[in-house]
Protein backbone atom coordinates (compact mmCIF):
# COMPACT_ATOMS: atom_id res chain seq x y z
CA MET A 1 48.69 -94.63 28.81
CA GLU A 2 46.73 -97.21 30.22
CA PRO A 3 46.97 -100.70 28.32
CA SER A 4 43.30 -101.06 28.11
CA PHE A 5 43.13 -97.34 26.36
CA VAL A 6 46.14 -98.64 24.00
CA GLN A 7 44.18 -101.60 23.41
CA LYS A 8 41.20 -99.55 22.27
CA ILE A 9 42.97 -96.93 20.15
CA TYR A 10 44.42 -99.88 18.25
CA GLN A 11 41.62 -101.73 17.48
CA LYS A 12 40.20 -98.22 15.78
CA HIS A 13 43.59 -98.26 13.42
CA LYS A 14 42.78 -101.96 13.03
CA ASN A 15 39.40 -101.02 11.26
CA CYS A 16 40.51 -98.47 9.95
CA THR A 17 42.46 -100.12 6.96
CA ARG A 18 39.91 -98.77 4.35
CA CYS A 19 39.49 -95.28 5.85
CA PRO A 20 40.43 -92.05 3.41
CA SER A 21 43.26 -90.37 4.30
CA THR A 22 42.98 -86.81 6.12
CA VAL A 23 46.11 -86.31 4.83
CA LEU A 24 46.15 -88.14 1.38
CA VAL A 25 42.74 -86.56 0.58
CA PRO A 26 43.99 -82.57 0.55
CA LYS A 27 47.47 -83.40 -0.96
CA PHE A 28 45.62 -85.05 -3.88
CA PHE A 29 43.48 -82.01 -4.18
CA THR A 30 46.23 -79.56 -4.12
CA ASP A 31 48.62 -81.55 -6.51
CA LEU A 32 45.65 -82.10 -9.34
CA LEU A 33 45.24 -78.54 -8.68
CA GLY A 34 49.05 -77.62 -9.60
CA ILE A 35 48.61 -79.68 -12.53
CA LEU A 36 45.25 -77.61 -13.49
CA PHE A 37 46.64 -74.09 -12.89
CA PRO A 38 50.79 -73.87 -12.82
CA ASN A 39 50.11 -71.00 -9.87
CA PHE A 40 49.44 -73.61 -7.69
CA ALA A 41 52.24 -75.46 -8.65
CA SER A 42 55.51 -75.43 -6.50
CA SER A 43 56.92 -74.44 -9.85
CA PRO A 44 55.56 -74.52 -13.36
CA VAL A 45 57.05 -77.90 -15.26
CA LEU A 46 58.91 -76.92 -18.26
CA ASP A 47 60.10 -80.47 -19.53
CA PHE A 48 57.12 -82.40 -21.05
CA MET A 49 58.12 -85.70 -20.50
CA GLU A 50 58.27 -84.63 -16.89
CA PHE A 51 54.58 -83.22 -16.98
CA GLN A 52 53.40 -86.29 -18.46
CA LYS A 53 55.31 -88.28 -15.63
CA ARG A 54 53.64 -85.74 -13.35
CA THR A 55 49.79 -86.28 -14.55
CA GLN A 56 50.80 -90.24 -14.63
CA MET A 57 51.38 -89.69 -11.10
CA ILE A 58 48.49 -87.65 -10.10
CA ASN A 59 46.53 -91.00 -11.65
CA MET A 60 47.74 -93.25 -9.36
CA GLU A 61 47.39 -90.81 -6.54
CA MET A 62 43.73 -90.86 -7.37
CA ALA A 63 43.50 -95.19 -7.68
CA GLN A 64 45.27 -95.33 -4.05
CA MET A 65 43.33 -92.79 -2.06
CA LEU A 66 39.84 -94.71 -3.85
CA SER A 67 41.65 -97.85 -2.84
CA LYS A 68 41.44 -96.85 0.51
CA ASN A 69 37.83 -95.14 0.53
CA SER A 70 35.08 -96.90 2.32
CA GLY A 71 32.59 -96.08 -0.32
CA SER A 72 34.27 -97.38 -3.18
CA GLU A 73 34.89 -101.18 -2.67
CA LEU A 74 31.79 -102.02 -5.41
CA SER A 75 34.02 -100.22 -8.05
CA ASP A 76 37.37 -100.61 -9.40
CA PRO A 77 39.73 -97.76 -8.03
CA MET A 78 41.54 -97.63 -11.61
CA GLU A 79 38.05 -97.78 -13.32
CA LEU A 80 36.92 -94.81 -11.32
CA SER A 81 40.06 -92.73 -11.57
CA GLU A 82 40.00 -93.04 -15.02
CA ALA A 83 36.24 -91.97 -15.19
CA PHE A 84 37.24 -88.80 -13.63
CA PHE A 85 40.34 -87.93 -15.42
CA LYS A 86 38.15 -88.44 -18.72
CA ASN A 87 35.68 -85.94 -17.30
CA LEU A 88 38.41 -83.63 -15.91
CA PRO A 89 38.54 -81.43 -19.28
CA VAL A 90 34.79 -80.63 -18.83
CA VAL A 91 35.76 -79.98 -14.90
CA TYR A 92 38.72 -77.49 -16.19
CA ASP A 93 36.17 -75.74 -18.68
CA ASN A 94 33.81 -75.29 -15.56
CA LEU A 95 36.08 -73.22 -13.89
CA GLN A 96 37.52 -70.94 -16.93
CA LEU A 97 33.90 -70.15 -16.79
CA ASP A 98 34.03 -69.42 -13.18
CA ILE A 99 37.62 -67.44 -13.34
CA ASP A 100 36.00 -65.22 -15.91
CA ALA A 101 32.86 -64.54 -13.97
CA MET A 102 35.04 -63.28 -10.94
CA PHE A 103 37.26 -61.25 -13.19
CA ALA A 104 34.42 -59.39 -14.67
CA GLY A 105 32.54 -59.26 -11.48
CA ASP A 106 35.27 -57.58 -9.60
CA PRO A 107 36.46 -53.95 -10.22
CA ALA A 108 39.28 -54.78 -8.22
CA ALA A 109 40.78 -57.42 -10.37
CA LYS A 110 43.33 -56.43 -12.58
CA THR A 111 43.85 -60.06 -14.25
CA ARG A 112 42.84 -63.48 -14.15
CA GLU A 113 46.29 -65.27 -12.83
CA GLU A 114 45.25 -62.78 -9.96
CA VAL A 115 41.84 -64.20 -9.40
CA ILE A 116 43.45 -68.08 -9.47
CA ARG A 117 46.67 -66.68 -7.13
CA SER A 118 44.65 -65.16 -4.58
CA TYR A 119 41.02 -65.49 -4.95
CA PRO A 120 39.20 -67.82 -1.89
CA GLY A 121 36.35 -67.56 -3.90
CA PHE A 122 38.14 -69.28 -6.84
CA TYR A 123 39.71 -72.16 -4.59
CA ALA A 124 36.60 -73.10 -2.92
CA ILE A 125 34.61 -73.22 -5.94
CA ALA A 126 37.76 -75.36 -7.43
CA ALA A 127 37.39 -77.56 -4.79
CA TYR A 128 33.59 -77.86 -5.18
CA ARG A 129 34.07 -78.90 -9.13
CA ILE A 130 36.27 -81.60 -8.22
CA ALA A 131 34.44 -82.81 -5.57
CA ASN A 132 31.01 -82.92 -7.31
CA SER A 133 32.68 -84.44 -9.97
CA LEU A 134 33.98 -87.65 -7.84
CA SER A 135 30.50 -87.40 -6.11
CA LYS A 136 28.73 -88.23 -9.28
CA LEU A 137 30.80 -91.31 -9.94
CA GLY A 138 29.60 -92.30 -6.60
CA VAL A 139 32.37 -91.89 -4.47
CA SER A 140 32.08 -90.92 -1.23
CA ASN A 141 33.71 -89.54 1.80
CA ILE A 142 36.34 -88.21 -0.36
CA PRO A 143 34.11 -85.25 -1.93
CA ARG A 144 33.18 -83.93 1.21
CA MET A 145 36.45 -84.23 2.78
CA ILE A 146 37.66 -81.91 -0.22
CA THR A 147 35.43 -79.25 0.21
CA GLU A 148 35.82 -79.73 3.67
CA HIS A 149 39.85 -79.02 3.24
CA ALA A 150 38.42 -75.71 1.38
CA HIS A 151 36.48 -74.93 3.68
CA GLY A 152 38.99 -74.92 6.86
CA LYS A 153 41.34 -72.51 4.26
CA THR A 154 38.83 -69.93 3.15
CA GLY A 155 35.82 -69.93 5.18
CA ILE A 156 33.28 -70.91 2.22
CA ASP A 157 31.46 -74.39 2.83
CA ILE A 158 29.74 -75.80 -0.16
CA HIS A 159 28.26 -79.24 -0.16
CA PRO A 160 29.83 -81.24 -2.82
CA ASN A 161 26.54 -82.72 -3.84
CA ALA A 162 25.22 -79.24 -4.61
CA ASN A 163 24.34 -78.07 -8.33
CA ILE A 164 25.87 -75.15 -9.32
CA GLY A 165 25.99 -74.19 -12.99
CA ASP A 166 28.23 -71.98 -14.89
CA TYR A 167 29.95 -68.47 -14.01
CA PHE A 168 29.87 -68.45 -10.45
CA CYS A 169 30.96 -65.84 -8.78
CA ILE A 170 31.91 -65.99 -4.96
CA ASP A 171 33.15 -62.25 -4.25
CA HIS A 172 35.26 -62.04 -0.69
CA GLY A 173 33.64 -65.15 0.43
CA THR A 174 34.30 -65.84 4.14
CA GLY A 175 31.21 -67.60 5.72
CA VAL A 176 29.27 -68.41 2.85
CA VAL A 177 27.34 -71.42 3.37
CA ILE A 178 25.80 -73.90 0.41
CA GLY A 179 23.78 -76.89 1.54
CA GLU A 180 23.64 -79.59 -0.10
CA THR A 181 20.55 -79.62 -2.12
CA THR A 182 21.02 -76.21 -3.16
CA ASP A 183 20.46 -75.41 -6.83
CA ILE A 184 22.18 -72.42 -8.27
CA GLY A 185 21.84 -71.49 -12.32
CA GLN A 186 24.19 -69.59 -14.41
CA HIS A 187 25.85 -66.07 -14.14
CA VAL A 188 24.89 -66.18 -10.29
CA LYS A 189 26.76 -64.01 -7.96
CA ILE A 190 26.93 -64.27 -4.04
CA TYR A 191 29.21 -61.70 -1.42
CA GLN A 192 30.51 -63.14 2.09
CA GLY A 193 28.39 -64.42 5.02
CA VAL A 194 25.38 -65.29 2.76
CA THR A 195 23.78 -68.95 4.07
CA LEU A 196 21.62 -70.63 1.46
CA GLY A 197 20.29 -73.30 3.92
CA ALA A 198 17.46 -75.46 5.00
CA LEU A 199 14.51 -74.72 7.53
CA SER A 200 14.65 -78.22 9.32
CA VAL A 201 17.63 -79.94 10.40
CA ASN A 202 15.65 -83.36 11.13
CA LYS A 203 17.53 -86.70 10.13
CA GLU A 204 14.41 -88.13 8.04
CA ASP A 205 14.46 -84.96 5.91
CA ALA A 206 18.09 -86.16 4.57
CA LYS A 207 16.71 -87.58 1.53
CA VAL A 208 14.17 -84.61 0.57
CA LYS A 209 15.28 -81.31 -1.32
CA ARG A 210 15.96 -79.05 2.21
CA HIS A 211 17.62 -76.23 0.41
CA PRO A 212 16.69 -73.31 -2.01
CA THR A 213 17.19 -72.47 -5.40
CA ILE A 214 18.76 -69.38 -7.12
CA GLU A 215 17.94 -68.88 -10.55
CA ASP A 216 20.12 -67.04 -13.56
CA ASN A 217 21.75 -63.93 -13.07
CA ALA A 218 20.64 -63.85 -9.26
CA VAL A 219 22.83 -61.40 -7.15
CA ILE A 220 23.03 -62.07 -3.49
CA TYR A 221 24.72 -59.63 -1.15
CA ALA A 222 26.32 -59.97 2.20
CA GLY A 223 25.24 -61.38 5.11
CA ALA A 224 21.92 -62.66 3.24
CA THR A 225 20.19 -65.82 4.68
CA ILE A 226 17.61 -67.73 2.26
CA LEU A 227 16.36 -71.38 3.79
CA GLY A 228 13.86 -73.79 2.57
CA GLY A 229 13.73 -76.29 -0.56
CA ASN A 230 10.84 -74.58 -1.57
CA THR A 231 12.26 -71.15 -1.38
CA VAL A 232 12.98 -69.72 -5.04
CA ILE A 233 14.66 -66.99 -5.88
CA GLY A 234 13.75 -65.65 -9.33
CA LYS A 235 15.88 -65.08 -12.24
CA ASN A 236 17.29 -61.68 -12.36
CA SER A 237 16.87 -60.74 -8.69
CA ILE A 238 18.63 -58.95 -6.21
CA VAL A 239 18.51 -60.01 -2.82
CA GLY A 240 19.85 -57.00 -0.64
CA GLY A 241 22.50 -57.13 2.50
CA ASN A 242 20.88 -58.98 5.63
CA VAL A 243 17.93 -59.83 3.99
CA TRP A 244 16.20 -62.96 5.97
CA LEU A 245 13.86 -64.93 3.23
CA THR A 246 11.88 -68.30 3.53
CA LYS A 247 9.14 -67.89 0.94
CA SER A 248 9.89 -67.35 -2.91
CA ILE A 249 10.45 -64.47 -5.19
CA PRO A 250 9.34 -64.12 -8.51
CA PRO A 251 11.92 -62.85 -11.48
CA ASN A 252 13.14 -59.41 -11.69
CA SER A 253 12.60 -58.60 -7.65
CA LYS A 254 14.69 -56.34 -5.52
CA VAL A 255 14.42 -57.20 -2.06
CA TYR A 256 15.92 -54.76 0.34
CA TYR A 257 16.45 -54.62 4.73
CA LYS A 258 15.65 -51.61 6.13
CA ALA A 259 16.70 -50.25 8.94
CA GLN A 260 16.25 -47.51 11.36
CA MET A 261 19.05 -45.19 13.08
CA HIS A 262 18.59 -43.90 16.42
CA THR A 263 20.69 -40.69 17.82
CA ASP A 264 22.09 -41.63 21.35
CA ASN A 265 18.69 -39.28 23.04
CA GLY A 266 16.34 -42.03 21.16
CA ARG A 267 14.62 -39.82 18.89
CA GLU A 268 14.69 -41.45 15.34
CA LYS A 269 16.64 -41.03 12.07
CA PRO A 270 15.02 -41.20 8.69
CA ASP A 271 14.82 -44.72 7.73
CA VAL A 272 17.85 -46.07 5.68
CA ILE A 273 18.46 -48.33 3.03
CA ILE A 274 21.37 -50.64 3.49
CA PHE A 275 22.20 -50.51 -0.28
CA LYS A 276 21.31 -49.39 -3.43
């Protein structure tokens, strides 16, 4: 390589002494998930002393990760780590409710263990709950890196600053996008290909609510797109597959996409409703 180019990229390394590592952050998330759910551990830890040692190691991983985070200079890494782990039981309990929602909401799920082991929706929601807890402590960079790690593995993109209630179910999941200022209530279920996005991508709108509000007990079917910070999906509503919404709907609504089928000779067939 050209010496000038080598010097240029060397300076990048020198300036990155407080960069959160794109290797360390996913490892921390994976290790933490293995502590919380033995299904994700390489093997269950049967000796209690060894288990305590593992929990101490994950605590040190967190402190090391935070010490390398460019957004945490004003906070002590150990204090941030302790605050995160103090709230971890709440995160764990929230995830148990999400598991219940996914198990109850999918007839194909035979056990809760199956949901934990094999459902991409659970993996993505677990990444979100952990990242959201860190984000609420004022940690930057790392929460987004955790959710983007899950995005890469599952195809589910949840911003860590989204506000998501209990009993959240993502079924199948690939292609789901949940934007930064989205508000989601309790007992909400969404399917693959759903976008909860913004009407505007202007940089000056970064600090305003740009994404929709989904109230309790709503169901949003595959391929639906709901956009805008003023858009509210009322409680107990059903949004059908492939529906495009930029306006609010009241509680207990049912919104369907209606299509027409055509024969090869161009004559119309009767209208078909995509789902019931």
